[in-house]
Amino acid sequence: YFLRVAQRYPAQPVGDDAYFAYLQCLDDMATVNRSELAQGYKEYLGRYPQGKHADLAQTRMDAYTNSGR
């Protein structure tokens, strides 16, 4: 659902929140490896470089890029 909202309303504030919520759901899943999460946060930053969650996305991307799961 979160990904669908982000795809349908990419320029709206709800798109930013929905895409980040999608990534947080993936982050909570033990089956998703950190390199995939790092890529997801990188894509978030590409879509929303000035987004509300950009600082946290950058921090997580950096952390997951430097470690593996």
N, C-alpha and C. Protein backbone atom coordinates (compact mmCIF):
# COMPACT_ATOMS: atom_id res chain seq x y z
N TYR A 1 0.82 -1.19 0.00
CA TYR A 1 0.00 0.00 0.00
C TYR A 1 0.86 1.25 0.00
N PHE A 2 1.88 1.30 0.87
CA PHE A 2 2.73 2.50 0.96
C PHE A 2 3.41 2.79 -0.38
N LEU A 3 3.92 1.75 -1.02
CA LEU A 3 4.61 1.94 -2.29
C LEU A 3 3.64 2.43 -3.37
N ARG A 4 2.45 1.92 -3.38
CA ARG A 4 1.44 2.35 -4.35
C ARG A 4 1.11 3.83 -4.17
N VAL A 5 0.95 4.27 -2.94
CA VAL A 5 0.66 5.69 -2.68
C VAL A 5 1.83 6.55 -3.17
N ALA A 6 3.05 6.13 -2.88
CA ALA A 6 4.22 6.90 -3.31
C ALA A 6 4.32 6.97 -4.83
N GLN A 7 3.94 5.90 -5.51
CA GLN A 7 3.99 5.89 -6.97
C GLN A 7 2.89 6.74 -7.58
N ARG A 8 1.74 6.76 -6.98
CA ARG A 8 0.61 7.52 -7.52
C ARG A 8 0.68 9.00 -7.21
N TYR A 9 1.31 9.36 -6.10
CA TYR A 9 1.36 10.77 -5.68
C TYR A 9 2.79 11.18 -5.35
N PRO A 10 3.71 11.05 -6.29
CA PRO A 10 5.13 11.29 -5.98
C PRO A 10 5.45 12.74 -5.60
N ALA A 11 4.69 13.68 -6.11
CA ALA A 11 4.99 15.09 -5.83
C ALA A 11 4.27 15.63 -4.61
N GLN A 12 3.43 14.82 -4.00
CA GLN A 12 2.67 15.24 -2.82
C GLN A 12 3.42 14.87 -1.55
N PRO A 13 3.21 15.61 -0.47
CA PRO A 13 3.85 15.25 0.80
C PRO A 13 3.54 13.82 1.25
N VAL A 14 2.36 13.33 0.91
CA VAL A 14 1.99 11.97 1.29
C VAL A 14 2.88 10.96 0.56
N GLY A 15 3.38 11.31 -0.62
CA GLY A 15 4.29 10.42 -1.35
C GLY A 15 5.59 10.22 -0.60
N ASP A 16 6.13 11.30 -0.07
CA ASP A 16 7.36 11.25 0.74
C ASP A 16 7.15 10.35 1.95
N ASP A 17 6.11 10.61 2.70
CA ASP A 17 5.83 9.82 3.91
C ASP A 17 5.57 8.35 3.58
N ALA A 18 4.83 8.11 2.50
CA ALA A 18 4.49 6.73 2.14
C ALA A 18 5.73 5.95 1.72
N TYR A 19 6.60 6.57 0.94
CA TYR A 19 7.80 5.86 0.49
C TYR A 19 8.71 5.54 1.69
N PHE A 20 8.83 6.48 2.60
CA PHE A 20 9.65 6.23 3.78
C PHE A 20 9.02 5.15 4.66
N ALA A 21 7.70 5.17 4.79
CA ALA A 21 7.01 4.13 5.57
C ALA A 21 7.23 2.75 4.94
N TYR A 22 7.22 2.69 3.62
CA TYR A 22 7.50 1.44 2.90
C TYR A 22 8.89 0.93 3.28
N LEU A 23 9.87 1.83 3.27
CA LEU A 23 11.23 1.43 3.63
C LEU A 23 11.33 0.98 5.08
N GLN A 24 10.62 1.64 5.96
CA GLN A 24 10.63 1.23 7.37
C GLN A 24 10.03 -0.16 7.54
N CYS A 25 9.00 -0.48 6.77
CA CYS A 25 8.42 -1.82 6.82
C CYS A 25 9.45 -2.85 6.37
N LEU A 26 10.16 -2.56 5.29
CA LEU A 26 11.21 -3.45 4.83
C LEU A 26 12.31 -3.59 5.88
N ASP A 27 12.63 -2.48 6.52
CA ASP A 27 13.67 -2.46 7.54
C ASP A 27 13.31 -3.34 8.73
N ASP A 28 12.05 -3.46 9.01
CA ASP A 28 11.59 -4.28 10.13
C ASP A 28 11.57 -5.78 9.82
N MET A 29 11.70 -6.11 8.55
CA MET A 29 11.67 -7.51 8.13
C MET A 29 13.08 -8.11 8.21
N ALA A 30 13.21 -9.22 8.86
CA ALA A 30 14.52 -9.86 9.01
C ALA A 30 15.02 -10.46 7.71
N THR A 31 14.14 -10.66 6.75
CA THR A 31 14.52 -11.31 5.49
C THR A 31 15.13 -10.37 4.46
N VAL A 32 15.04 -9.08 4.69
CA VAL A 32 15.59 -8.10 3.73
C VAL A 32 17.01 -7.77 4.17
N ASN A 33 17.96 -7.96 3.24
CA ASN A 33 19.35 -7.71 3.63
C ASN A 33 19.68 -6.22 3.56
N ARG A 34 20.74 -5.88 4.21
CA ARG A 34 21.10 -4.46 4.36
C ARG A 34 21.49 -3.80 3.05
N SER A 35 22.05 -4.54 2.12
CA SER A 35 22.41 -3.93 0.84
C SER A 35 21.15 -3.51 0.08
N GLU A 36 20.09 -4.31 0.18
CA GLU A 36 18.81 -3.94 -0.44
C GLU A 36 18.22 -2.70 0.24
N LEU A 37 18.33 -2.66 1.56
CA LEU A 37 17.83 -1.50 2.30
C LEU A 37 18.63 -0.25 1.93
N ALA A 38 19.94 -0.39 1.83
CA ALA A 38 20.78 0.76 1.46
C ALA A 38 20.34 1.28 0.09
N GLN A 39 20.07 0.38 -0.84
CA GLN A 39 19.61 0.79 -2.17
C GLN A 39 18.25 1.48 -2.08
N GLY A 40 17.37 0.97 -1.25
CA GLY A 40 16.06 1.60 -1.08
C GLY A 40 16.16 3.00 -0.52
N TYR A 41 17.02 3.19 0.47
CA TYR A 41 17.20 4.53 1.03
C TYR A 41 17.87 5.47 0.02
N LYS A 42 18.75 4.92 -0.81
CA LYS A 42 19.37 5.72 -1.86
C LYS A 42 18.31 6.19 -2.86
N GLU A 43 17.40 5.30 -3.21
CA GLU A 43 16.31 5.66 -4.12
C GLU A 43 15.40 6.71 -3.49
N TYR A 44 15.14 6.56 -2.19
CA TYR A 44 14.34 7.57 -1.50
C TYR A 44 15.01 8.94 -1.63
N LEU A 45 16.31 8.99 -1.37
CA LEU A 45 17.04 10.26 -1.45
C LEU A 45 17.05 10.81 -2.86
N GLY A 46 17.04 9.93 -3.85
CA GLY A 46 16.95 10.39 -5.24
C GLY A 46 15.60 11.01 -5.55
N ARG A 47 14.56 10.44 -4.99
CA ARG A 47 13.20 10.95 -5.21
C ARG A 47 12.90 12.19 -4.38
N TYR A 48 13.35 12.17 -3.15
CA TYR A 48 13.02 13.23 -2.19
C TYR A 48 14.29 13.76 -1.53
N PRO A 49 15.17 14.42 -2.27
CA PRO A 49 16.44 14.87 -1.68
C PRO A 49 16.25 15.88 -0.54
N GLN A 50 15.16 16.60 -0.55
CA GLN A 50 14.85 17.55 0.52
C GLN A 50 13.68 17.07 1.36
N GLY A 51 13.40 15.78 1.32
CA GLY A 51 12.25 15.21 2.02
C GLY A 51 12.37 15.31 3.53
N LYS A 52 11.23 15.10 4.19
CA LYS A 52 11.18 15.18 5.65
C LYS A 52 12.08 14.16 6.33
N HIS A 53 12.31 13.06 5.65
CA HIS A 53 13.06 11.96 6.25
C HIS A 53 14.46 11.80 5.66
N ALA A 54 14.92 12.81 4.92
CA ALA A 54 16.19 12.72 4.20
C ALA A 54 17.37 12.47 5.14
N ASP A 55 17.41 13.14 6.27
CA ASP A 55 18.54 12.95 7.20
C ASP A 55 18.59 11.53 7.72
N LEU A 56 17.46 11.00 8.14
CA LEU A 56 17.42 9.63 8.64
C LEU A 56 17.71 8.62 7.53
N ALA A 57 17.19 8.88 6.35
CA ALA A 57 17.46 7.99 5.21
C ALA A 57 18.95 7.97 4.89
N GLN A 58 19.58 9.13 4.93
CA GLN A 58 21.03 9.21 4.67
C GLN A 58 21.82 8.44 5.73
N THR A 59 21.43 8.61 6.98
CA THR A 59 22.11 7.91 8.07
C THR A 59 21.98 6.40 7.91
N ARG A 60 20.78 5.94 7.62
CA ARG A 60 20.56 4.50 7.45
C ARG A 60 21.28 3.97 6.22
N MET A 61 21.24 4.72 5.13
CA MET A 61 21.93 4.29 3.93
C MET A 61 23.43 4.13 4.19
N ASP A 62 24.01 5.12 4.87
CA ASP A 62 25.44 5.05 5.19
C ASP A 62 25.74 3.86 6.08
N ALA A 63 24.92 3.63 7.09
CA ALA A 63 25.14 2.53 8.02
C ALA A 63 25.01 1.17 7.32
N TYR A 64 24.01 1.04 6.45
CA TYR A 64 23.77 -0.23 5.78
C TYR A 64 24.76 -0.48 4.65
N THR A 65 25.31 0.57 4.09
CA THR A 65 26.31 0.43 3.05
C THR A 65 27.61 -0.12 3.66
N ASN A 66 27.87 0.25 4.88
CA ASN A 66 29.11 -0.14 5.54
C ASN A 66 29.01 -1.43 6.34
N SER A 67 27.87 -2.10 6.28
CA SER A 67 27.72 -3.36 7.00
C SER A 67 26.81 -4.29 6.19
N GLY A 68 26.78 -5.53 6.54
CA GLY A 68 25.94 -6.49 5.84
C GLY A 68 25.04 -7.22 6.82
N ARG A 69 24.00 -7.83 6.30
CA ARG A 69 23.12 -8.62 7.16
C ARG A 69 23.04 -10.01 6.61
